[in-house]
Amino acid sequence: MSNLSVHSELMQQKVGALQAELLKLPQYQPDTKHYFHGGMYCREVFRHAGVLVVGAVHKKEHFYLIVYGTVAITDGDGMSKKYQAHICLRVNLALSVRC
């Protein structure tokens, strides 16, 4: 088993444990707007300050814009990168999770 596989499995376990704990708390439904144009889809998600949201594991690379606030993105090898207070364009890698 490669180091990446071990780290990915460990990270999935940690995210799973975090999700289990979050399910014990009142649940949050972010404000979401959906946009469709020319065969493309875009989603705008507003999250209030102080809210922790754990997203799904992403199967494909895709664009992700952070307009304001702070977002921590954890990829399969356990690295966490924080983006904040500016417009940020990044391509989320497959197997990444936003927390």
Foldseek 3Di string as FASTA:
>chain_A
DDLLVVQLVVVVVVVVVVVVVCVVDDDDDWDKDWDDDPNDIDMDTDDDPPDDDKDDQAQAKDKDWDDAAKKWKAASNGDIDIDHGHIDIDIDHGRIMID
